[in-house]
Amino acid sequence: MLPLALASALSMGAAARAADDASPVVAVTIKPLHSLVAGVMAGIGKPDLVVPATALPRDYAPTAGDTERLAKARLVFWIGPMLERNFARPLARISGATEVVAVSEGPGLVLRPTRSGGVWGLEDDGPTGTGDIPTMDGALWLDPQNARAIAALAAARLGAADPAHAARYTANAAKLYARLDALDTTLRQKLAPTENRPFLVYRDRYQYLEQRYRLSAAGAILGAGGQPPGRRRMEAVRHQIQLSHARCVFGEPDSPETLIDAVTDNLDVHAGSLDPDGMALKPGPDLYFDLMTALAGSLRKCLLGRD
């Protein structure tokens, strides 16, 4: 039987080791960002995903349970109010030891202004809601170089909050950089043949992808505020398909099939689907790579007729 003093010392040592091994509680709002933070935390801990897998980040309103989870976290990562607009007030109310990190404010990011009225600056029938439109486009993860900057920021903030694992966060981030660089090269090769093939999208939220890989987006069905198209806009969208010789019109997981059918009816254009939020993908460190690969595959399949 161990002496009491020795047993107490061993118990204290085990408790200290357990504390050293424990990672901070981390909450992340949306799936693409969660994937990158999960990659930085690989082997140390798992971040909590707040926005449900099938919800749109722009429209989701956090529940009381979500707010409680956010308040209990040591670190909260979000894109910022230009995307998760309903999180701005709950996050502003968080106090204590919780650190809120808006990755859109981090170093090394390329930010692009929100385009007004789709791609061509067309105003919709009725109110446009432009007063509520953020000034910057929040879908910044659609450029792998931005994803690299996000990983670097996550490693820095996690290391500062959890010095015991700082070296591991840095090492994980370095592995992510290599994967992201390889992904960027692969996407550039896959998307190069699509550069001069015009297409339209359901929502105008792909400009980071467009600029990175020189894609030829010609317009969006929805207006800049996300409002459904009125008669005038529907006519303009269909005219733009013909004028630009668009090869494809891309919906999204939540876009009404009847609307896509109405836009493409009797026109020589194909219909495809894009999932920029990874709504159909399993959360985790591989989601970001699966998401970007799937986007490239969908673009190639519709624009080129092959994967």
C-alpha atoms as a PDB file:
ATOM      1  CA  MET A   1       0.000   0.000   0.000  1.00  0.00           C
ATOM      2  CA  LEU A   2       1.438   3.405  -0.995  1.00  0.00           C
ATOM      3  CA  PRO A   3       2.170   5.933   1.727  1.00  0.00           C
ATOM      4  CA  LEU A   4      -0.427   8.715   1.868  1.00  0.00           C
ATOM      5  CA  ALA A   5       2.055  11.421   0.844  1.00  0.00           C
ATOM      6  CA  LEU A   6       3.243   9.421  -2.170  1.00  0.00           C
ATOM      7  CA  ALA A   7      -0.295   8.577  -3.257  1.00  0.00           C
ATOM      8  CA  SER A   8      -1.252  12.227  -2.956  1.00  0.00           C
ATOM      9  CA  ALA A   9       1.748  13.280  -5.034  1.00  0.00           C
ATOM     10  CA  LEU A  10       0.937  10.728  -7.719  1.00  0.00           C
ATOM     11  CA  SER A  11      -2.668  11.868  -7.789  1.00  0.00           C
ATOM     12  CA  MET A  12      -1.625  15.499  -8.141  1.00  0.00           C
ATOM     13  CA  GLY A  13       0.798  14.555 -10.910  1.00  0.00           C
ATOM     14  CA  ALA A  14      -1.916  12.686 -12.809  1.00  0.00           C
ATOM     15  CA  ALA A  15      -4.268  15.637 -12.433  1.00  0.00           C
ATOM     16  CA  ALA A  16      -1.585  18.002 -13.732  1.00  0.00           C
ATOM     17  CA  ARG A  17      -0.927  15.757 -16.719  1.00  0.00           C
ATOM     18  CA  ALA A  18      -4.670  15.576 -17.443  1.00  0.00           C
ATOM     19  CA  ALA A  19      -4.845  19.369 -17.329  1.00  0.00           C
ATOM     20  CA  ASP A  20      -1.883  19.621 -19.693  1.00  0.00           C
ATOM     21  CA  ASP A  21      -3.479  17.146 -22.102  1.00  0.00           C
ATOM     22  CA  ALA A  22      -6.866  18.886 -22.098  1.00  0.00           C
ATOM     23  CA  SER A  23      -7.540  21.234 -25.001  1.00  0.00           C
ATOM     24  CA  PRO A  24      -9.629  24.396 -24.641  1.00  0.00           C
ATOM     25  CA  VAL A  25     -13.332  24.307 -25.486  1.00  0.00           C
ATOM     26  CA  VAL A  26     -13.621  25.736 -29.005  1.00  0.00           C
ATOM     27  CA  ALA A  27     -16.823  26.644 -30.875  1.00  0.00           C
ATOM     28  CA  VAL A  28     -16.975  27.377 -34.610  1.00  0.00           C
ATOM     29  CA  THR A  29     -20.018  28.734 -36.415  1.00  0.00           C
ATOM     30  CA  ILE A  30     -20.034  27.200 -39.928  1.00  0.00           C
ATOM     31  CA  LYS A  31     -18.850  23.977 -41.540  1.00  0.00           C
ATOM     32  CA  PRO A  32     -16.049  25.216 -43.863  1.00  0.00           C
ATOM     33  CA  LEU A  33     -14.466  27.235 -41.056  1.00  0.00           C
ATOM     34  CA  HIS A  34     -15.025  24.394 -38.590  1.00  0.00           C
ATOM     35  CA  SER A  35     -13.163  22.065 -40.947  1.00  0.00           C
ATOM     36  CA  LEU A  36     -10.064  24.294 -41.022  1.00  0.00           C
ATOM     37  CA  VAL A  37     -10.038  24.774 -37.241  1.00  0.00           C
ATOM     38  CA  ALA A  38     -10.523  21.017 -36.790  1.00  0.00           C
ATOM     39  CA  GLY A  39      -7.451  20.448 -38.958  1.00  0.00           C
ATOM     40  CA  VAL A  40      -5.369  22.730 -36.747  1.00  0.00           C
ATOM     41  CA  MET A  41      -6.678  20.930 -33.629  1.00  0.00           C
ATOM     42  CA  ALA A  42      -6.155  17.393 -35.016  1.00  0.00           C
ATOM     43  CA  GLY A  43      -4.956  15.011 -32.309  1.00  0.00           C
ATOM     44  CA  ILE A  44      -5.488  17.628 -29.576  1.00  0.00           C
ATOM     45  CA  GLY A  45      -9.210  18.252 -29.451  1.00  0.00           C
ATOM     46  CA  LYS A  46     -12.351  18.665 -31.538  1.00  0.00           C
ATOM     47  CA  PRO A  47     -14.123  21.992 -32.053  1.00  0.00           C
ATOM     48  CA  ASP A  48     -17.871  22.259 -31.584  1.00  0.00           C
ATOM     49  CA  LEU A  49     -19.911  23.093 -34.721  1.00  0.00           C
ATOM     50  CA  VAL A  50     -22.703  25.565 -33.937  1.00  0.00           C
ATOM     51  CA  VAL A  51     -24.705  26.089 -37.155  1.00  0.00           C
ATOM     52  CA  PRO A  52     -26.541  22.856 -38.064  1.00  0.00           C
ATOM     53  CA  ALA A  53     -25.250  20.982 -41.096  1.00  0.00           C
ATOM     54  CA  THR A  54     -28.285  21.783 -43.261  1.00  0.00           C
ATOM     55  CA  ALA A  55     -28.730  25.447 -42.286  1.00  0.00           C
ATOM     56  CA  LEU A  56     -27.653  28.473 -44.314  1.00  0.00           C
ATOM     57  CA  PRO A  57     -25.124  30.581 -42.367  1.00  0.00           C
ATOM     58  CA  ARG A  58     -26.669  33.876 -43.495  1.00  0.00           C
ATOM     59  CA  ASP A  59     -30.163  32.968 -42.297  1.00  0.00           C
ATOM     60  CA  TYR A  60     -29.492  30.874 -39.190  1.00  0.00           C
ATOM     61  CA  ALA A  61     -30.484  32.426 -35.862  1.00  0.00           C
ATOM     62  CA  PRO A  62     -28.679  30.938 -32.836  1.00  0.00           C
ATOM     63  CA  THR A  63     -30.883  29.275 -30.240  1.00  0.00           C
ATOM     64  CA  ALA A  64     -30.646  29.738 -26.497  1.00  0.00           C
ATOM     65  CA  GLY A  65     -28.697  26.490 -26.397  1.00  0.00           C
ATOM     66  CA  ASP A  66     -26.276  27.799 -29.027  1.00  0.00           C
ATOM     67  CA  THR A  67     -25.727  30.979 -27.031  1.00  0.00           C
ATOM     68  CA  GLU A  68     -24.997  28.936 -23.911  1.00  0.00           C
ATOM     69  CA  ARG A  69     -22.453  26.813 -25.799  1.00  0.00           C
ATOM     70  CA  LEU A  70     -20.776  29.920 -27.169  1.00  0.00           C
ATOM     71  CA  ALA A  71     -20.513  31.431 -23.688  1.00  0.00           C
ATOM     72  CA  LYS A  72     -18.874  28.271 -22.314  1.00  0.00           C
ATOM     73  CA  ALA A  73     -16.183  28.184 -25.022  1.00  0.00           C
ATOM     74  CA  ARG A  74     -12.664  29.467 -24.482  1.00  0.00           C
ATOM     75  CA  LEU A  75     -12.456  30.418 -28.169  1.00  0.00           C
ATOM     76  CA  VAL A  76     -15.215  31.150 -30.695  1.00  0.00           C
ATOM     77  CA  PHE A  77     -14.325  31.349 -34.397  1.00  0.00           C
ATOM     78  CA  TRP A  78     -16.714  32.966 -36.880  1.00  0.00           C
ATOM     79  CA  ILE A  79     -16.385  34.644 -40.265  1.00  0.00           C
ATOM     80  CA  GLY A  80     -17.943  37.917 -39.118  1.00  0.00           C
ATOM     81  CA  PRO A  81     -21.169  39.906 -39.378  1.00  0.00           C
ATOM     82  CA  MET A  82     -21.033  40.023 -43.193  1.00  0.00           C
ATOM     83  CA  LEU A  83     -21.987  36.316 -43.163  1.00  0.00           C
ATOM     84  CA  GLU A  84     -23.386  35.098 -39.821  1.00  0.00           C
ATOM     85  CA  ARG A  85     -25.332  38.300 -39.240  1.00  0.00           C
ATOM     86  CA  ASN A  86     -27.584  36.809 -36.546  1.00  0.00           C
ATOM     87  CA  PHE A  87     -24.576  35.917 -34.398  1.00  0.00           C
ATOM     88  CA  ALA A  88     -23.350  39.504 -34.030  1.00  0.00           C
ATOM     89  CA  ARG A  89     -25.515  40.421 -31.042  1.00  0.00           C
ATOM     90  CA  PRO A  90     -25.123  37.149 -29.036  1.00  0.00           C
ATOM     91  CA  LEU A  91     -21.359  37.226 -29.527  1.00  0.00           C
ATOM     92  CA  ALA A  92     -21.163  40.872 -28.478  1.00  0.00           C
ATOM     93  CA  ARG A  93     -22.837  39.946 -25.198  1.00  0.00           C
ATOM     94  CA  ILE A  94     -20.314  37.237 -24.312  1.00  0.00           C
ATOM     95  CA  SER A  95     -18.037  38.235 -21.454  1.00  0.00           C
ATOM     96  CA  GLY A  96     -15.495  36.584 -19.221  1.00  0.00           C
ATOM     97  CA  ALA A  97     -12.745  34.345 -20.547  1.00  0.00           C
ATOM     98  CA  THR A  98     -14.311  33.684 -23.962  1.00  0.00           C
ATOM     99  CA  GLU A  99     -12.308  35.088 -26.876  1.00  0.00           C
ATOM    100  CA  VAL A 100     -14.287  35.750 -30.061  1.00  0.00           C
ATOM    101  CA  VAL A 101     -12.199  35.558 -33.248  1.00  0.00           C
ATOM    102  CA  ALA A 102     -13.654  37.063 -36.444  1.00  0.00           C
ATOM    103  CA  VAL A 103     -11.445  35.453 -39.062  1.00  0.00           C
ATOM    104  CA  SER A 104     -12.429  38.077 -41.667  1.00  0.00           C
ATOM    105  CA  GLU A 105     -10.356  40.531 -39.614  1.00  0.00           C
ATOM    106  CA  GLY A 106      -7.269  38.323 -39.626  1.00  0.00           C
ATOM    107  CA  PRO A 107      -4.028  39.081 -41.490  1.00  0.00           C
ATOM    108  CA  GLY A 108      -3.288  37.817 -44.993  1.00  0.00           C
ATOM    109  CA  LEU A 109      -6.894  37.567 -46.183  1.00  0.00           C
ATOM    110  CA  VAL A 110      -8.121  38.841 -49.533  1.00  0.00           C
ATOM    111  CA  LEU A 111     -11.589  40.366 -49.027  1.00  0.00           C
ATOM    112  CA  ARG A 112     -13.898  41.266 -51.888  1.00  0.00           C
ATOM    113  CA  PRO A 113     -16.807  43.751 -51.789  1.00  0.00           C
ATOM    114  CA  THR A 114     -20.321  42.398 -52.099  1.00  0.00           C
ATOM    115  CA  ARG A 115     -21.591  42.892 -55.642  1.00  0.00           C
ATOM    116  CA  SER A 116     -24.828  44.836 -55.852  1.00  0.00           C
ATOM    117  CA  GLY A 117     -27.740  43.390 -57.777  1.00  0.00           C
ATOM    118  CA  GLY A 118     -26.051  40.200 -58.928  1.00  0.00           C
ATOM    119  CA  VAL A 119     -23.201  40.386 -61.411  1.00  0.00           C
ATOM    120  CA  TRP A 120     -24.603  43.044 -63.727  1.00  0.00           C
ATOM    121  CA  GLY A 121     -25.899  45.644 -61.280  1.00  0.00           C
ATOM    122  CA  LEU A 122     -29.528  45.089 -62.233  1.00  0.00           C
ATOM    123  CA  GLU A 123     -32.079  46.292 -59.702  1.00  0.00           C
ATOM    124  CA  ASP A 124     -34.992  43.991 -58.866  1.00  0.00           C
ATOM    125  CA  ASP A 125     -38.689  44.720 -59.015  1.00  0.00           C
ATOM    126  CA  GLY A 126     -39.656  46.281 -55.693  1.00  0.00           C
ATOM    127  CA  PRO A 127     -37.441  46.878 -52.637  1.00  0.00           C
ATOM    128  CA  THR A 128     -33.866  45.645 -52.954  1.00  0.00           C
ATOM    129  CA  GLY A 129     -32.969  45.642 -49.276  1.00  0.00           C
ATOM    130  CA  THR A 130     -29.535  47.064 -50.128  1.00  0.00           C
ATOM    131  CA  GLY A 131     -29.337  48.770 -46.743  1.00  0.00           C
ATOM    132  CA  ASP A 132     -28.953  45.348 -45.116  1.00  0.00           C
ATOM    133  CA  ILE A 133     -26.312  44.073 -47.536  1.00  0.00           C
ATOM    134  CA  PRO A 134     -22.870  43.758 -45.929  1.00  0.00           C
ATOM    135  CA  THR A 135     -20.064  45.615 -47.638  1.00  0.00           C
ATOM    136  CA  MET A 136     -17.811  42.554 -47.929  1.00  0.00           C
ATOM    137  CA  ASP A 137     -18.528  39.101 -49.361  1.00  0.00           C
ATOM    138  CA  GLY A 138     -18.428  36.574 -46.527  1.00  0.00           C
ATOM    139  CA  ALA A 139     -17.782  33.394 -48.559  1.00  0.00           C
ATOM    140  CA  LEU A 140     -14.056  34.028 -48.308  1.00  0.00           C
ATOM    141  CA  TRP A 141     -13.152  30.347 -47.784  1.00  0.00           C
ATOM    142  CA  LEU A 142     -13.747  29.712 -51.498  1.00  0.00           C
ATOM    143  CA  ASP A 143     -10.165  30.867 -52.128  1.00  0.00           C
ATOM    144  CA  PRO A 144      -7.648  28.320 -50.747  1.00  0.00           C
ATOM    145  CA  GLN A 145      -5.193  31.136 -50.061  1.00  0.00           C
ATOM    146  CA  ASN A 146      -7.733  32.597 -47.665  1.00  0.00           C
ATOM    147  CA  ALA A 147      -8.115  29.162 -46.108  1.00  0.00           C
ATOM    148  CA  ARG A 148      -4.348  29.169 -45.547  1.00  0.00           C
ATOM    149  CA  ALA A 149      -4.575  32.531 -43.752  1.00  0.00           C
ATOM    150  CA  ILE A 150      -7.459  31.216 -41.629  1.00  0.00           C
ATOM    151  CA  ALA A 151      -5.420  28.175 -40.600  1.00  0.00           C
ATOM    152  CA  ALA A 152      -2.524  30.426 -39.594  1.00  0.00           C
ATOM    153  CA  LEU A 153      -4.819  32.641 -37.525  1.00  0.00           C
ATOM    154  CA  ALA A 154      -6.426  29.622 -35.843  1.00  0.00           C
ATOM    155  CA  ALA A 155      -3.008  28.181 -34.933  1.00  0.00           C
ATOM    156  CA  ALA A 156      -1.908  31.522 -33.468  1.00  0.00           C
ATOM    157  CA  ARG A 157      -5.042  32.059 -31.372  1.00  0.00           C
ATOM    158  CA  LEU A 158      -5.198  28.445 -30.200  1.00  0.00           C
ATOM    159  CA  GLY A 159      -1.517  28.501 -29.277  1.00  0.00           C
ATOM    160  CA  ALA A 160      -1.973  31.694 -27.272  1.00  0.00           C
ATOM    161  CA  ALA A 161      -4.984  30.241 -25.422  1.00  0.00           C
ATOM    162  CA  ASP A 162      -3.347  26.830 -24.922  1.00  0.00           C
ATOM    163  CA  PRO A 163       0.467  27.249 -24.708  1.00  0.00           C
ATOM    164  CA  ALA A 164       0.966  23.606 -23.719  1.00  0.00           C
ATOM    165  CA  HIS A 165      -0.070  22.552 -27.244  1.00  0.00           C
ATOM    166  CA  ALA A 166       1.198  25.560 -29.194  1.00  0.00           C
ATOM    167  CA  ALA A 167       3.887  23.584 -31.015  1.00  0.00           C
ATOM    168  CA  ARG A 168       1.357  20.945 -32.095  1.00  0.00           C
ATOM    169  CA  TYR A 169      -1.053  23.582 -33.405  1.00  0.00           C
ATOM    170  CA  THR A 170       1.797  25.077 -35.408  1.00  0.00           C
ATOM    171  CA  ALA A 171       2.800  21.675 -36.780  1.00  0.00           C
ATOM    172  CA  ASN A 172      -0.792  20.861 -37.731  1.00  0.00           C
ATOM    173  CA  ALA A 173      -1.115  24.210 -39.477  1.00  0.00           C
ATOM    174  CA  ALA A 174       2.044  23.472 -41.474  1.00  0.00           C
ATOM    175  CA  LYS A 175       0.498  20.187 -42.644  1.00  0.00           C
ATOM    176  CA  LEU A 176      -2.651  22.075 -43.613  1.00  0.00           C
ATOM    177  CA  TYR A 177      -0.631  24.594 -45.640  1.00  0.00           C
ATOM    178  CA  ALA A 178       0.882  21.747 -47.664  1.00  0.00           C
ATOM    179  CA  ARG A 179      -2.545  20.186 -48.275  1.00  0.00           C
ATOM    180  CA  LEU A 180      -4.039  23.543 -49.247  1.00  0.00           C
ATOM    181  CA  ASP A 181      -1.193  24.306 -51.657  1.00  0.00           C
ATOM    182  CA  ALA A 182      -1.652  20.909 -53.284  1.00  0.00           C
ATOM    183  CA  LEU A 183      -5.411  21.466 -53.464  1.00  0.00           C
ATOM    184  CA  ASP A 184      -4.888  24.864 -55.086  1.00  0.00           C
ATOM    185  CA  THR A 185      -2.658  23.331 -57.756  1.00  0.00           C
ATOM    186  CA  THR A 186      -5.165  20.553 -58.440  1.00  0.00           C
ATOM    187  CA  LEU A 187      -8.112  22.951 -58.665  1.00  0.00           C
ATOM    188  CA  ARG A 188      -6.225  25.237 -61.024  1.00  0.00           C
ATOM    189  CA  GLN A 189      -5.513  22.292 -63.335  1.00  0.00           C
ATOM    190  CA  LYS A 190      -9.092  20.991 -63.182  1.00  0.00           C
ATOM    191  CA  LEU A 191     -10.748  24.366 -63.721  1.00  0.00           C
ATOM    192  CA  ALA A 192      -8.408  25.763 -66.386  1.00  0.00           C
ATOM    193  CA  PRO A 193     -10.523  24.310 -69.266  1.00  0.00           C
ATOM    194  CA  THR A 194     -13.646  26.040 -67.891  1.00  0.00           C
ATOM    195  CA  GLU A 195     -12.216  29.592 -67.940  1.00  0.00           C
ATOM    196  CA  ASN A 196     -14.104  30.789 -71.017  1.00  0.00           C
ATOM    197  CA  ARG A 197     -17.349  28.907 -70.430  1.00  0.00           C
ATOM    198  CA  PRO A 198     -19.999  31.293 -69.032  1.00  0.00           C
ATOM    199  CA  PHE A 199     -22.499  30.198 -66.402  1.00  0.00           C
ATOM    200  CA  LEU A 200     -25.091  31.606 -64.016  1.00  0.00           C
ATOM    201  CA  VAL A 201     -25.546  30.803 -60.344  1.00  0.00           C
ATOM    202  CA  TYR A 202     -28.446  30.819 -57.905  1.00  0.00           C
ATOM    203  CA  ARG A 203     -26.773  33.216 -55.418  1.00  0.00           C
ATOM    204  CA  ASP A 204     -23.951  35.603 -56.188  1.00  0.00           C
ATOM    205  CA  ARG A 205     -21.437  34.201 -53.699  1.00  0.00           C
ATOM    206  CA  TYR A 206     -18.703  32.622 -55.792  1.00  0.00           C
ATOM    207  CA  GLN A 207     -16.474  35.571 -56.616  1.00  0.00           C
ATOM    208  CA  TYR A 208     -13.565  34.273 -54.504  1.00  0.00           C
ATOM    209  CA  LEU A 209     -13.639  31.074 -56.544  1.00  0.00           C
ATOM    210  CA  GLU A 210     -14.156  33.027 -59.785  1.00  0.00           C
ATOM    211  CA  GLN A 211     -11.222  35.357 -59.202  1.00  0.00           C
ATOM    212  CA  ARG A 212      -8.872  32.627 -58.033  1.00  0.00           C
ATOM    213  CA  TYR A 213      -9.500  30.342 -61.011  1.00  0.00           C
ATOM    214  CA  ARG A 214     -10.605  32.834 -63.694  1.00  0.00           C
ATOM    215  CA  LEU A 215     -14.118  31.482 -63.995  1.00  0.00           C
ATOM    216  CA  SER A 216     -16.667  33.151 -66.267  1.00  0.00           C
ATOM    217  CA  ALA A 217     -19.733  33.741 -64.097  1.00  0.00           C
ATOM    218  CA  ALA A 218     -22.267  35.839 -66.005  1.00  0.00           C
ATOM    219  CA  GLY A 219     -24.964  36.475 -63.404  1.00  0.00           C
ATOM    220  CA  ALA A 220     -27.059  35.345 -60.464  1.00  0.00           C
ATOM    221  CA  ILE A 221     -30.736  34.496 -60.262  1.00  0.00           C
ATOM    222  CA  LEU A 222     -31.321  36.025 -56.833  1.00  0.00           C
ATOM    223  CA  GLY A 223     -30.716  39.685 -56.135  1.00  0.00           C
ATOM    224  CA  ALA A 224     -27.887  40.886 -53.919  1.00  0.00           C
ATOM    225  CA  GLY A 225     -30.075  40.768 -50.811  1.00  0.00           C
ATOM    226  CA  GLY A 226     -31.151  37.201 -51.569  1.00  0.00           C
ATOM    227  CA  GLN A 227     -34.646  38.237 -52.616  1.00  0.00           C
ATOM    228  CA  PRO A 228     -36.456  36.051 -55.191  1.00  0.00           C
ATOM    229  CA  PRO A 229     -36.502  37.426 -58.722  1.00  0.00           C
ATOM    230  CA  GLY A 230     -39.448  39.490 -59.876  1.00  0.00           C
ATOM    231  CA  ARG A 231     -40.794  39.440 -63.411  1.00  0.00           C
ATOM    232  CA  ARG A 232     -38.284  42.006 -64.659  1.00  0.00           C
ATOM    233  CA  ARG A 233     -35.320  40.171 -63.204  1.00  0.00           C
ATOM    234  CA  MET A 234     -36.505  36.794 -64.510  1.00  0.00           C
ATOM    235  CA  GLU A 235     -36.645  38.269 -68.001  1.00  0.00           C
ATOM    236  CA  ALA A 236     -33.178  39.775 -67.570  1.00  0.00           C
ATOM    237  CA  VAL A 237     -31.722  36.495 -66.268  1.00  0.00           C
ATOM    238  CA  ARG A 238     -33.071  34.552 -69.221  1.00  0.00           C
ATOM    239  CA  HIS A 239     -31.825  37.260 -71.576  1.00  0.00           C
ATOM    240  CA  GLN A 240     -28.389  37.090 -69.952  1.00  0.00           C
ATOM    241  CA  ILE A 241     -28.257  33.337 -70.525  1.00  0.00           C
ATOM    242  CA  GLN A 242     -28.775  33.906 -74.221  1.00  0.00           C
ATOM    243  CA  LEU A 243     -26.568  36.990 -74.460  1.00  0.00           C
ATOM    244  CA  SER A 244     -23.603  35.401 -72.685  1.00  0.00           C
ATOM    245  CA  HIS A 245     -24.083  31.987 -74.344  1.00  0.00           C
ATOM    246  CA  ALA A 246     -24.079  30.497 -70.848  1.00  0.00           C
ATOM    247  CA  ARG A 247     -23.608  26.748 -70.806  1.00  0.00           C
ATOM    248  CA  CYS A 248     -24.965  26.108 -67.317  1.00  0.00           C
ATOM    249  CA  VAL A 249     -27.213  27.466 -64.590  1.00  0.00           C
ATOM    250  CA  PHE A 250     -26.203  26.244 -61.139  1.00  0.00           C
ATOM    251  CA  GLY A 251     -28.655  25.832 -58.307  1.00  0.00           C
ATOM    252  CA  GLU A 252     -27.813  25.115 -54.665  1.00  0.00           C
ATOM    253  CA  PRO A 253     -29.140  22.496 -52.221  1.00  0.00           C
ATOM    254  CA  ASP A 254     -31.934  24.832 -51.085  1.00  0.00           C
ATOM    255  CA  SER A 255     -32.844  26.367 -54.463  1.00  0.00           C
ATOM    256  CA  PRO A 256     -36.372  25.542 -55.663  1.00  0.00           C
ATOM    257  CA  GLU A 257     -36.279  23.175 -58.606  1.00  0.00           C
ATOM    258  CA  THR A 258     -39.267  24.972 -60.100  1.00  0.00           C
ATOM    259  CA  LEU A 259     -37.293  28.234 -60.194  1.00  0.00           C
ATOM    260  CA  ILE A 260     -34.312  26.660 -61.956  1.00  0.00           C
ATOM    261  CA  ASP A 261     -36.744  25.035 -64.414  1.00  0.00           C
ATOM    262  CA  ALA A 262     -38.408  28.391 -65.077  1.00  0.00           C
ATOM    263  CA  VAL A 263     -35.066  30.089 -65.709  1.00  0.00           C
ATOM    264  CA  THR A 264     -33.835  27.422 -68.118  1.00  0.00           C
ATOM    265  CA  ASP A 265     -37.136  26.597 -69.825  1.00  0.00           C
ATOM    266  CA  ASN A 266     -36.740  26.290 -73.630  1.00  0.00           C
ATOM    267  CA  LEU A 267     -33.178  27.634 -73.502  1.00  0.00           C
ATOM    268  CA  ASP A 268     -30.085  25.804 -74.712  1.00  0.00           C
ATOM    269  CA  VAL A 269     -28.460  25.589 -71.286  1.00  0.00           C
ATOM    270  CA  HIS A 270     -27.745  22.826 -68.779  1.00  0.00           C
ATOM    271  CA  ALA A 271     -28.659  22.780 -65.089  1.00  0.00           C
ATOM    272  CA  GLY A 272     -26.148  21.878 -62.381  1.00  0.00           C
ATOM    273  CA  SER A 273     -25.771  22.230 -58.626  1.00  0.00           C
ATOM    274  CA  LEU A 274     -23.132  23.758 -56.337  1.00  0.00           C
ATOM    275  CA  ASP A 275     -22.803  23.384 -52.562  1.00  0.00           C
ATOM    276  CA  PRO A 276     -20.487  26.178 -51.307  1.00  0.00           C
ATOM    277  CA  ASP A 277     -21.324  25.565 -47.629  1.00  0.00           C
ATOM    278  CA  GLY A 278     -20.780  21.802 -47.698  1.00  0.00           C
ATOM    279  CA  MET A 279     -24.365  21.210 -46.573  1.00  0.00           C
ATOM    280  CA  ALA A 280     -24.303  17.658 -47.924  1.00  0.00           C
ATOM    281  CA  LEU A 281     -20.873  16.827 -46.470  1.00  0.00           C
ATOM    282  CA  LYS A 282     -19.871  15.314 -43.137  1.00  0.00           C
ATOM    283  CA  PRO A 283     -18.282  17.838 -40.745  1.00  0.00           C
ATOM    284  CA  GLY A 284     -14.620  17.351 -39.922  1.00  0.00           C
ATOM    285  CA  PRO A 285     -11.073  18.218 -41.002  1.00  0.00           C
ATOM    286  CA  ASP A 286     -11.541  16.767 -44.498  1.00  0.00           C
ATOM    287  CA  LEU A 287     -14.750  18.663 -45.281  1.00  0.00           C
ATOM    288  CA  TYR A 288     -13.010  21.734 -46.700  1.00  0.00           C
ATOM    289  CA  PHE A 289     -11.043  19.655 -49.178  1.00  0.00           C
ATOM    290  CA  ASP A 290     -14.088  17.587 -50.121  1.00  0.00           C
ATOM    291  CA  LEU A 291     -16.125  20.787 -50.572  1.00  0.00           C
ATOM    292  CA  MET A 292     -13.642  22.471 -52.911  1.00  0.00           C
ATOM    293  CA  THR A 293     -13.056  19.272 -54.886  1.00  0.00           C
ATOM    294  CA  ALA A 294     -16.813  18.778 -55.270  1.00  0.00           C
ATOM    295  CA  LEU A 295     -17.271  22.361 -56.518  1.00  0.00           C
ATOM    296  CA  ALA A 296     -14.608  21.839 -59.175  1.00  0.00           C
ATOM    297  CA  GLY A 297     -16.160  18.524 -60.159  1.00  0.00           C
ATOM    298  CA  SER A 298     -19.641  20.032 -60.502  1.00  0.00           C
ATOM    299  CA  LEU A 299     -18.328  22.915 -62.604  1.00  0.00           C
ATOM    300  CA  ARG A 300     -16.402  20.572 -64.899  1.00  0.00           C
ATOM    301  CA  LYS A 301     -19.278  18.117 -65.258  1.00  0.00           C
ATOM    302  CA  CYS A 302     -21.777  20.766 -66.328  1.00  0.00           C
ATOM    303  CA  LEU A 303     -19.498  23.099 -68.304  1.00  0.00           C
ATOM    304  CA  LEU A 304     -17.374  20.455 -69.998  1.00  0.00           C
ATOM    305  CA  GLY A 305     -19.592  17.380 -69.880  1.00  0.00           C
ATOM    306  CA  ARG A 306     -17.000  15.434 -67.888  1.00  0.00           C
ATOM    307  CA  ASP A 307     -15.692  15.122 -64.316  1.00  0.00           C
END
